């Protein structure tokens, strides 16, 4: 199970609403087409993107469209939002997470009618992205640091998946820490500045008879700075400066004063 980003809508009051789908592969594995067999729960933590202080936790309703569960998160502030979704079906448990930034302009934190959850303790296991001020516009070439909060010792490796294709494996250290630097994507680089792709990190753990699968979805844009070349840029600046200096000196030599 993983979280997939859907449409981002701007409301009349200036706030933004992000739709996110809860998905599983069609085959092999379970399908959410029969949602009655699943126990789904979702909540998120909202905080000012560049402010310190406590986070507010909100439960969020899980809706369904054409057999696919989805949720919608609204924010009227520049907010960092951590989303958790949990699902249980038979002897399998699933955890899915993502972090998103919304640049709302209504001045109201959220239109979510649910009350704030107090003293909430996150149920393990889950994958946590370490906060970083530069993550407000996630992009390829940046390094993202994670912690796998598992049951007991850390297990195995994190799998990197795009479009349901396995790309890489990342070793998890005994403290549950691992990092990932998504490589630059030529196809993404050729698209517009707002284009994005979605990369999923997956960790599985056995707990007794249960298998617990945790995922984290990274929404990635093309790199803004990764293809900048410093030396050619400096050389161009130096040439321009020399040309300007040469022009000034030449003009002074011709001046009668």
C-alpha atoms as a PDB file:
ATOM      1  CA  UNK A   1       0.000   0.000   0.000  1.00  0.00           C
ATOM      2  CA  UNK A   2       1.258   3.449  -0.829  1.00  0.00           C
ATOM      3  CA  UNK A   3       0.053   7.056  -1.094  1.00  0.00           C
ATOM      4  CA  UNK A   4      -0.273   8.511  -4.602  1.00  0.00           C
ATOM      5  CA  UNK A   5      -0.652  12.238  -5.223  1.00  0.00           C
ATOM      6  CA  UNK A   6      -3.735  13.451  -7.080  1.00  0.00           C
ATOM      7  CA  UNK A   7      -5.030  16.892  -8.047  1.00  0.00           C
ATOM      8  CA  UNK A   8      -4.162  20.078  -6.150  1.00  0.00           C
ATOM      9  CA  UNK A   9      -7.084  22.542  -6.062  1.00  0.00           C
ATOM     10  CA  UNK A  10      -7.145  26.217  -5.135  1.00  0.00           C
ATOM     11  CA  UNK A  11     -10.243  27.206  -3.156  1.00  0.00           C
ATOM     12  CA  UNK A  12     -12.084  30.530  -3.336  1.00  0.00           C
ATOM     13  CA  UNK A  13     -10.719  31.598   0.065  1.00  0.00           C
ATOM     14  CA  UNK A  14      -7.106  31.141  -1.072  1.00  0.00           C
ATOM     15  CA  UNK A  15      -6.544  27.812   0.670  1.00  0.00           C
ATOM     16  CA  UNK A  16      -5.300  24.705  -1.150  1.00  0.00           C
ATOM     17  CA  UNK A  17      -6.761  21.204  -1.129  1.00  0.00           C
ATOM     18  CA  UNK A  18      -4.548  18.245  -1.992  1.00  0.00           C
ATOM     19  CA  UNK A  19      -6.138  14.941  -2.969  1.00  0.00           C
ATOM     20  CA  UNK A  20      -4.156  11.781  -2.191  1.00  0.00           C
ATOM     21  CA  UNK A  21      -5.073   8.244  -3.223  1.00  0.00           C
ATOM     22  CA  UNK A  22      -4.421   5.068  -1.226  1.00  0.00           C
ATOM     23  CA  UNK A  23      -3.270   2.418  -3.663  1.00  0.00           C
ATOM     24  CA  UNK A  24      -2.093  -1.184  -3.876  1.00  0.00           C
ATOM     25  CA  UNK A  25      -0.780  -3.061  -6.898  1.00  0.00           C
ATOM     26  CA  UNK A  26      -3.409  -4.862  -8.954  1.00  0.00           C
ATOM     27  CA  UNK A  27      -1.410  -8.068  -8.889  1.00  0.00           C
ATOM     28  CA  UNK A  28       0.161  -9.815  -7.140  1.00  0.00           C
ATOM     29  CA  UNK A  29      -1.101  -9.009  -3.667  1.00  0.00           C
ATOM     30  CA  UNK A  30      -4.317  -7.664  -2.194  1.00  0.00           C
ATOM     31  CA  UNK A  31      -6.633  -5.264  -3.933  1.00  0.00           C
ATOM     32  CA  UNK A  32      -8.668  -2.529  -2.307  1.00  0.00           C
ATOM     33  CA  UNK A  33     -11.504  -2.964  -4.775  1.00  0.00           C
ATOM     34  CA  UNK A  34     -13.517  -4.557  -1.957  1.00  0.00           C
ATOM     35  CA  UNK A  35     -12.990  -1.861   0.674  1.00  0.00           C
ATOM     36  CA  UNK A  36     -15.242  -3.717   3.112  1.00  0.00           C
ATOM     37  CA  UNK A  37     -12.423  -6.175   3.842  1.00  0.00           C
ATOM     38  CA  UNK A  38     -10.077  -3.385   4.884  1.00  0.00           C
ATOM     39  CA  UNK A  39      -9.855  -1.340   8.039  1.00  0.00           C
ATOM     40  CA  UNK A  40      -8.488   2.014   6.911  1.00  0.00           C
ATOM     41  CA  UNK A  41      -7.486   4.926   9.127  1.00  0.00           C
ATOM     42  CA  UNK A  42      -5.744   8.202   8.281  1.00  0.00           C
ATOM     43  CA  UNK A  43      -4.538  11.270  10.129  1.00  0.00           C
ATOM     44  CA  UNK A  44      -2.031  14.032   9.556  1.00  0.00           C
ATOM     45  CA  UNK A  45       0.158  16.441  11.485  1.00  0.00           C
ATOM     46  CA  UNK A  46       0.200  20.073  10.379  1.00  0.00           C
ATOM     47  CA  UNK A  47       2.810  22.656  11.365  1.00  0.00           C
ATOM     48  CA  UNK A  48       4.009  25.990  10.036  1.00  0.00           C
ATOM     49  CA  UNK A  49       6.689  25.179   7.488  1.00  0.00           C
ATOM     50  CA  UNK A  50       9.329  27.509   8.976  1.00  0.00           C
ATOM     51  CA  UNK A  51       8.108  27.896  12.546  1.00  0.00           C
ATOM     52  CA  UNK A  52       8.957  26.006  15.712  1.00  0.00           C
ATOM     53  CA  UNK A  53       6.331  24.700  18.078  1.00  0.00           C
ATOM     54  CA  UNK A  54       3.938  21.779  18.523  1.00  0.00           C
ATOM     55  CA  UNK A  55       2.256  20.053  15.625  1.00  0.00           C
ATOM     56  CA  UNK A  56      -1.518  19.731  15.417  1.00  0.00           C
ATOM     57  CA  UNK A  57      -2.795  16.238  14.588  1.00  0.00           C
ATOM     58  CA  UNK A  58      -6.089  15.779  12.720  1.00  0.00           C
ATOM     59  CA  UNK A  59      -8.013  12.654  11.758  1.00  0.00           C
ATOM     60  CA  UNK A  60      -9.102  12.720   8.127  1.00  0.00           C
ATOM     61  CA  UNK A  61     -11.994  10.883   6.475  1.00  0.00           C
ATOM     62  CA  UNK A  62     -11.205   8.156   3.935  1.00  0.00           C
ATOM     63  CA  UNK A  63     -13.513   8.410   0.910  1.00  0.00           C
ATOM     64  CA  UNK A  64     -13.804   6.139  -2.122  1.00  0.00           C
ATOM     65  CA  UNK A  65     -14.000   6.866  -5.842  1.00  0.00           C
ATOM     66  CA  UNK A  66     -14.323   4.050  -8.421  1.00  0.00           C
ATOM     67  CA  UNK A  67     -13.129   1.567  -5.809  1.00  0.00           C
ATOM     68  CA  UNK A  68     -10.004   3.591  -4.929  1.00  0.00           C
ATOM     69  CA  UNK A  69      -9.818   5.114  -1.437  1.00  0.00           C
ATOM     70  CA  UNK A  70      -8.649   8.712  -1.189  1.00  0.00           C
ATOM     71  CA  UNK A  71      -8.373  11.579   1.274  1.00  0.00           C
ATOM     72  CA  UNK A  72      -8.249  15.361   0.926  1.00  0.00           C
ATOM     73  CA  UNK A  73      -6.147  17.749   3.021  1.00  0.00           C
ATOM     74  CA  UNK A  74      -6.820  21.488   3.113  1.00  0.00           C
ATOM     75  CA  UNK A  75      -4.493  24.245   4.329  1.00  0.00           C
ATOM     76  CA  UNK A  76      -4.671  28.032   4.218  1.00  0.00           C
ATOM     77  CA  UNK A  77      -1.106  28.560   5.453  1.00  0.00           C
ATOM     78  CA  UNK A  78       2.407  27.716   4.304  1.00  0.00           C
ATOM     79  CA  UNK A  79       2.381  24.353   6.064  1.00  0.00           C
ATOM     80  CA  UNK A  80       4.438  21.183   6.360  1.00  0.00           C
ATOM     81  CA  UNK A  81       2.049  18.250   6.547  1.00  0.00           C
ATOM     82  CA  UNK A  82       2.925  14.684   7.546  1.00  0.00           C
ATOM     83  CA  UNK A  83       0.317  12.112   6.548  1.00  0.00           C
ATOM     84  CA  UNK A  84      -0.067   8.597   7.972  1.00  0.00           C
ATOM     85  CA  UNK A  85      -2.410   5.925   6.629  1.00  0.00           C
ATOM     86  CA  UNK A  86      -2.816   2.480   8.211  1.00  0.00           C
ATOM     87  CA  UNK A  87      -4.681  -0.544   6.858  1.00  0.00           C
ATOM     88  CA  UNK A  88      -5.360  -4.028   8.187  1.00  0.00           C
ATOM     89  CA  UNK A  89      -6.518  -7.004   6.174  1.00  0.00           C
ATOM     90  CA  UNK A  90      -6.351 -10.552   7.565  1.00  0.00           C
ATOM     91  CA  UNK A  91      -2.767 -11.136   8.764  1.00  0.00           C
ATOM     92  CA  UNK A  92      -1.238  -8.244   6.871  1.00  0.00           C
ATOM     93  CA  UNK A  93      -0.774  -4.722   8.147  1.00  0.00           C
ATOM     94  CA  UNK A  94       0.165  -1.708   6.077  1.00  0.00           C
ATOM     95  CA  UNK A  95       1.566   1.704   6.897  1.00  0.00           C
ATOM     96  CA  UNK A  96       1.928   4.486   4.339  1.00  0.00           C
ATOM     97  CA  UNK A  97       3.392   7.940   4.868  1.00  0.00           C
ATOM     98  CA  UNK A  98       4.262  11.069   2.945  1.00  0.00           C
ATOM     99  CA  UNK A  99       5.235  14.688   3.660  1.00  0.00           C
ATOM    100  CA  UNK A 100       3.807  17.535   1.613  1.00  0.00           C
ATOM    101  CA  UNK A 101       4.020  21.322   1.646  1.00  0.00           C
ATOM    102  CA  UNK A 102       0.975  23.471   0.926  1.00  0.00           C
ATOM    103  CA  UNK A 103       1.261  27.185   0.172  1.00  0.00           C
ATOM    104  CA  UNK A 104      -2.218  28.325   1.190  1.00  0.00           C
ATOM    105  CA  UNK A 105      -3.109  32.015   1.462  1.00  0.00           C
ATOM    106  CA  UNK A 106      -6.394  32.157   3.391  1.00  0.00           C
ATOM    107  CA  UNK A 107      -4.723  32.645   6.789  1.00  0.00           C
ATOM    108  CA  UNK A 108      -6.676  29.713   8.265  1.00  0.00           C
ATOM    109  CA  UNK A 109      -4.795  26.558   9.177  1.00  0.00           C
ATOM    110  CA  UNK A 110      -7.390  24.128   7.832  1.00  0.00           C
ATOM    111  CA  UNK A 111     -11.060  23.676   7.026  1.00  0.00           C
ATOM    112  CA  UNK A 112     -10.929  20.108   8.377  1.00  0.00           C
ATOM    113  CA  UNK A 113     -13.971  19.896  10.714  1.00  0.00           C
ATOM    114  CA  UNK A 114     -12.415  17.147  12.856  1.00  0.00           C
ATOM    115  CA  UNK A 115     -11.140  18.131  16.322  1.00  0.00           C
ATOM    116  CA  UNK A 116      -7.416  18.267  17.012  1.00  0.00           C
ATOM    117  CA  UNK A 117      -6.046  15.000  18.437  1.00  0.00           C
ATOM    118  CA  UNK A 118      -4.250  15.512  21.759  1.00  0.00           C
ATOM    119  CA  UNK A 119      -1.317  13.451  23.087  1.00  0.00           C
ATOM    120  CA  UNK A 120      -1.263  11.220  20.018  1.00  0.00           C
ATOM    121  CA  UNK A 121       1.321   8.426  19.985  1.00  0.00           C
ATOM    122  CA  UNK A 122       2.279   7.129  16.553  1.00  0.00           C
ATOM    123  CA  UNK A 123       1.811   3.386  16.145  1.00  0.00           C
ATOM    124  CA  UNK A 124       4.908   1.588  14.895  1.00  0.00           C
ATOM    125  CA  UNK A 125       6.230   0.680  12.432  1.00  0.00           C
ATOM    126  CA  UNK A 126       6.513   3.664  10.118  1.00  0.00           C
ATOM    127  CA  UNK A 127       9.101   5.533   8.040  1.00  0.00           C
ATOM    128  CA  UNK A 128       9.933   9.051   9.210  1.00  0.00           C
ATOM    129  CA  UNK A 129      11.504  11.719   6.999  1.00  0.00           C
ATOM    130  CA  UNK A 130      13.870  13.960   8.958  1.00  0.00           C
ATOM    131  CA  UNK A 131      12.722  17.607   8.694  1.00  0.00           C
ATOM    132  CA  UNK A 132      14.871  19.860   6.522  1.00  0.00           C
ATOM    133  CA  UNK A 133      14.115  23.499   5.518  1.00  0.00           C
ATOM    134  CA  UNK A 134      15.154  22.764   1.924  1.00  0.00           C
ATOM    135  CA  UNK A 135      12.449  20.124   1.491  1.00  0.00           C
ATOM    136  CA  UNK A 136       9.737  22.692   0.746  1.00  0.00           C
ATOM    137  CA  UNK A 137      10.412  22.014  -2.951  1.00  0.00           C
ATOM    138  CA  UNK A 138      11.621  18.372  -3.089  1.00  0.00           C
ATOM    139  CA  UNK A 139      13.717  17.608  -6.143  1.00  0.00           C
ATOM    140  CA  UNK A 140      16.109  15.093  -7.628  1.00  0.00           C
ATOM    141  CA  UNK A 141      19.721  15.281  -6.507  1.00  0.00           C
ATOM    142  CA  UNK A 142      18.821  16.207  -2.905  1.00  0.00           C
ATOM    143  CA  UNK A 143      19.602  13.822  -0.040  1.00  0.00           C
ATOM    144  CA  UNK A 144      16.674  12.704   2.104  1.00  0.00           C
ATOM    145  CA  UNK A 145      17.332  11.131   5.507  1.00  0.00           C
ATOM    146  CA  UNK A 146      14.873   8.667   6.994  1.00  0.00           C
ATOM    147  CA  UNK A 147      14.400   6.650  10.151  1.00  0.00           C
ATOM    148  CA  UNK A 148      12.528   3.366  10.142  1.00  0.00           C
ATOM    149  CA  UNK A 149      10.643   3.182  13.424  1.00  0.00           C
ATOM    150  CA  UNK A 150      10.162  -0.575  13.544  1.00  0.00           C
ATOM    151  CA  UNK A 151       9.206  -3.174  16.125  1.00  0.00           C
ATOM    152  CA  UNK A 152      12.500  -4.094  17.754  1.00  0.00           C
ATOM    153  CA  UNK A 153      15.713  -3.957  15.749  1.00  0.00           C
ATOM    154  CA  UNK A 154      15.846  -2.518  12.262  1.00  0.00           C
ATOM    155  CA  UNK A 155      15.377  -5.025   9.501  1.00  0.00           C
ATOM    156  CA  UNK A 156      16.948  -5.590   6.107  1.00  0.00           C
ATOM    157  CA  UNK A 157      16.821  -2.840   3.547  1.00  0.00           C
ATOM    158  CA  UNK A 158      14.513  -0.216   2.103  1.00  0.00           C
ATOM    159  CA  UNK A 159      13.388  -0.872  -1.465  1.00  0.00           C
ATOM    160  CA  UNK A 160      13.146   1.984  -3.990  1.00  0.00           C
ATOM    161  CA  UNK A 161      10.165   1.695  -6.356  1.00  0.00           C
ATOM    162  CA  UNK A 162       8.909   3.846  -9.239  1.00  0.00           C
ATOM    163  CA  UNK A 163       5.841   2.975 -11.320  1.00  0.00           C
ATOM    164  CA  UNK A 164       5.768  -0.391  -9.506  1.00  0.00           C
ATOM    165  CA  UNK A 165       9.290  -1.166 -10.748  1.00  0.00           C
ATOM    166  CA  UNK A 166      12.111  -1.967  -8.333  1.00  0.00           C
ATOM    167  CA  UNK A 167      15.044   0.430  -8.811  1.00  0.00           C
ATOM    168  CA  UNK A 168      17.368   0.008  -5.835  1.00  0.00           C
ATOM    169  CA  UNK A 169      17.879  -1.289  -2.282  1.00  0.00           C
ATOM    170  CA  UNK A 170      19.193   0.830   0.604  1.00  0.00           C
ATOM    171  CA  UNK A 171      20.753  -0.689   3.723  1.00  0.00           C
ATOM    172  CA  UNK A 172      19.147   0.301   7.023  1.00  0.00           C
ATOM    173  CA  UNK A 173      21.620   0.729   9.902  1.00  0.00           C
ATOM    174  CA  UNK A 174      20.987  -0.823  13.384  1.00  0.00           C
ATOM    175  CA  UNK A 175      19.391   2.447  14.584  1.00  0.00           C
ATOM    176  CA  UNK A 176      16.922   2.345  11.687  1.00  0.00           C
ATOM    177  CA  UNK A 177      18.537   5.237   9.782  1.00  0.00           C
ATOM    178  CA  UNK A 178      19.013   5.334   6.020  1.00  0.00           C
ATOM    179  CA  UNK A 179      19.255   7.998   3.326  1.00  0.00           C
ATOM    180  CA  UNK A 180      18.367   8.265  -0.341  1.00  0.00           C
ATOM    181  CA  UNK A 181      19.548  10.652  -3.058  1.00  0.00           C
ATOM    182  CA  UNK A 182      17.274  10.289  -6.096  1.00  0.00           C
ATOM    183  CA  UNK A 183      19.319  10.622  -9.287  1.00  0.00           C
ATOM    184  CA  UNK A 184      18.514  13.249 -11.895  1.00  0.00           C
ATOM    185  CA  UNK A 185      15.879  12.082 -14.327  1.00  0.00           C
ATOM    186  CA  UNK A 186      16.411  13.175 -17.987  1.00  0.00           C
ATOM    187  CA  UNK A 187      12.711  12.665 -18.788  1.00  0.00           C
ATOM    188  CA  UNK A 188      11.666  14.821 -15.834  1.00  0.00           C
ATOM    189  CA  UNK A 189      14.281  17.449 -16.738  1.00  0.00           C
ATOM    190  CA  UNK A 190      12.650  17.895 -20.155  1.00  0.00           C
ATOM    191  CA  UNK A 191       9.240  18.664 -18.635  1.00  0.00           C
ATOM    192  CA  UNK A 192       7.955  21.924 -17.180  1.00  0.00           C
ATOM    193  CA  UNK A 193       9.141  23.403 -13.871  1.00  0.00           C
ATOM    194  CA  UNK A 194       6.042  22.186 -12.008  1.00  0.00           C
ATOM    195  CA  UNK A 195       6.242  18.600 -13.323  1.00  0.00           C
ATOM    196  CA  UNK A 196       6.858  15.856 -10.800  1.00  0.00           C
ATOM    197  CA  UNK A 197       7.223  12.128 -10.327  1.00  0.00           C
ATOM    198  CA  UNK A 198       6.554   9.858  -7.355  1.00  0.00           C
ATOM    199  CA  UNK A 199       9.102   7.522  -5.774  1.00  0.00           C
ATOM    200  CA  UNK A 200       8.115   5.007  -3.107  1.00  0.00           C
ATOM    201  CA  UNK A 201      10.410   3.617  -0.386  1.00  0.00           C
ATOM    202  CA  UNK A 202       9.261   0.277   1.057  1.00  0.00           C
ATOM    203  CA  UNK A 203      10.280  -1.708   4.147  1.00  0.00           C
ATOM    204  CA  UNK A 204       8.795  -5.050   5.239  1.00  0.00           C
ATOM    205  CA  UNK A 205       8.975  -6.578   8.692  1.00  0.00           C
ATOM    206  CA  UNK A 206       7.728  -9.846  10.152  1.00  0.00           C
ATOM    207  CA  UNK A 207       6.075  -9.608  13.580  1.00  0.00           C
ATOM    208  CA  UNK A 208       4.963 -13.035  14.722  1.00  0.00           C
ATOM    209  CA  UNK A 209       2.469 -14.302  12.152  1.00  0.00           C
ATOM    210  CA  UNK A 210       1.903 -10.837  10.743  1.00  0.00           C
ATOM    211  CA  UNK A 211       3.691  -9.184   7.855  1.00  0.00           C
ATOM    212  CA  UNK A 212       3.897  -5.399   8.182  1.00  0.00           C
ATOM    213  CA  UNK A 213       4.667  -3.326   5.089  1.00  0.00           C
ATOM    214  CA  UNK A 214       5.626   0.344   5.455  1.00  0.00           C
ATOM    215  CA  UNK A 215       5.983   2.785   2.572  1.00  0.00           C
ATOM    216  CA  UNK A 216       6.946   6.421   2.135  1.00  0.00           C
ATOM    217  CA  UNK A 217       6.070   8.415  -0.995  1.00  0.00           C
ATOM    218  CA  UNK A 218       8.450  11.120  -2.192  1.00  0.00           C
ATOM    219  CA  UNK A 219       7.034  13.713  -4.588  1.00  0.00           C
ATOM    220  CA  UNK A 220      10.031  14.822  -6.676  1.00  0.00           C
ATOM    221  CA  UNK A 221      10.478  17.731  -9.095  1.00  0.00           C
ATOM    222  CA  UNK A 222      13.323  18.251 -11.525  1.00  0.00           C
ATOM    223  CA  UNK A 223      16.450  19.792 -10.012  1.00  0.00           C
ATOM    224  CA  UNK A 224      16.626  23.581  -9.972  1.00  0.00           C
ATOM    225  CA  UNK A 225      20.356  23.760  -9.303  1.00  0.00           C
ATOM    226  CA  UNK A 226      21.811  20.316  -9.941  1.00  0.00           C
ATOM    227  CA  UNK A 227      22.774  21.036 -13.540  1.00  0.00           C
ATOM    228  CA  UNK A 228      24.364  24.401 -12.875  1.00  0.00           C
ATOM    229  CA  UNK A 229      28.071  24.385 -13.744  1.00  0.00           C
ATOM    230  CA  UNK A 230      30.122  26.686 -11.523  1.00  0.00           C
ATOM    231  CA  UNK A 231      33.370  27.008 -13.514  1.00  0.00           C
ATOM    232  CA  UNK A 232      31.793  27.977 -16.874  1.00  0.00           C
ATOM    233  CA  UNK A 233      29.592  30.469 -15.041  1.00  0.00           C
ATOM    234  CA  UNK A 234      32.551  32.056 -13.285  1.00  0.00           C
ATOM    235  CA  UNK A 235      34.479  32.178 -16.559  1.00  0.00           C
ATOM    236  CA  UNK A 236      31.591  33.975 -18.253  1.00  0.00           C
ATOM    237  CA  UNK A 237      31.365  36.518 -15.415  1.00  0.00           C
ATOM    238  CA  UNK A 238      35.124  37.124 -15.634  1.00  0.00           C
ATOM    239  CA  UNK A 239      34.939  37.694 -19.412  1.00  0.00           C
ATOM    240  CA  UNK A 240      32.066  40.156 -19.030  1.00  0.00           C
ATOM    241  CA  UNK A 241      33.962  42.022 -16.285  1.00  0.00           C
ATOM    242  CA  UNK A 242      37.091  42.229 -18.460  1.00  0.00           C
ATOM    243  CA  UNK A 243      35.064  43.487 -21.417  1.00  0.00           C
ATOM    244  CA  UNK A 244      33.455  46.203 -19.279  1.00  0.00           C
ATOM    245  CA  UNK A 245      36.849  47.202 -17.838  1.00  0.00           C
ATOM    246  CA  UNK A 246      38.397  47.344 -21.313  1.00  0.00           C
ATOM    247  CA  UNK A 247      35.536  49.546 -22.537  1.00  0.00           C
ATOM    248  CA  UNK A 248      35.901  51.963 -19.598  1.00  0.00           C
ATOM    249  CA  UNK A 249      39.674  52.278 -20.064  1.00  0.00           C
ATOM    250  CA  UNK A 250      39.346  52.827 -23.808  1.00  0.00           C
ATOM    251  CA  UNK A 251      36.688  55.506 -23.310  1.00  0.00           C
ATOM    252  CA  UNK A 252      38.869  57.373 -20.806  1.00  0.00           C
ATOM    253  CA  UNK A 253      41.825  57.378 -23.157  1.00  0.00           C
ATOM    254  CA  UNK A 254      39.743  59.027 -25.885  1.00  0.00           C
ATOM    255  CA  UNK A 255      38.266  61.653 -23.526  1.00  0.00           C
ATOM    256  CA  UNK A 256      39.790  65.141 -23.930  1.00  0.00           C
ATOM    257  CA  UNK A 257      39.583  65.629 -20.151  1.00  0.00           C
END
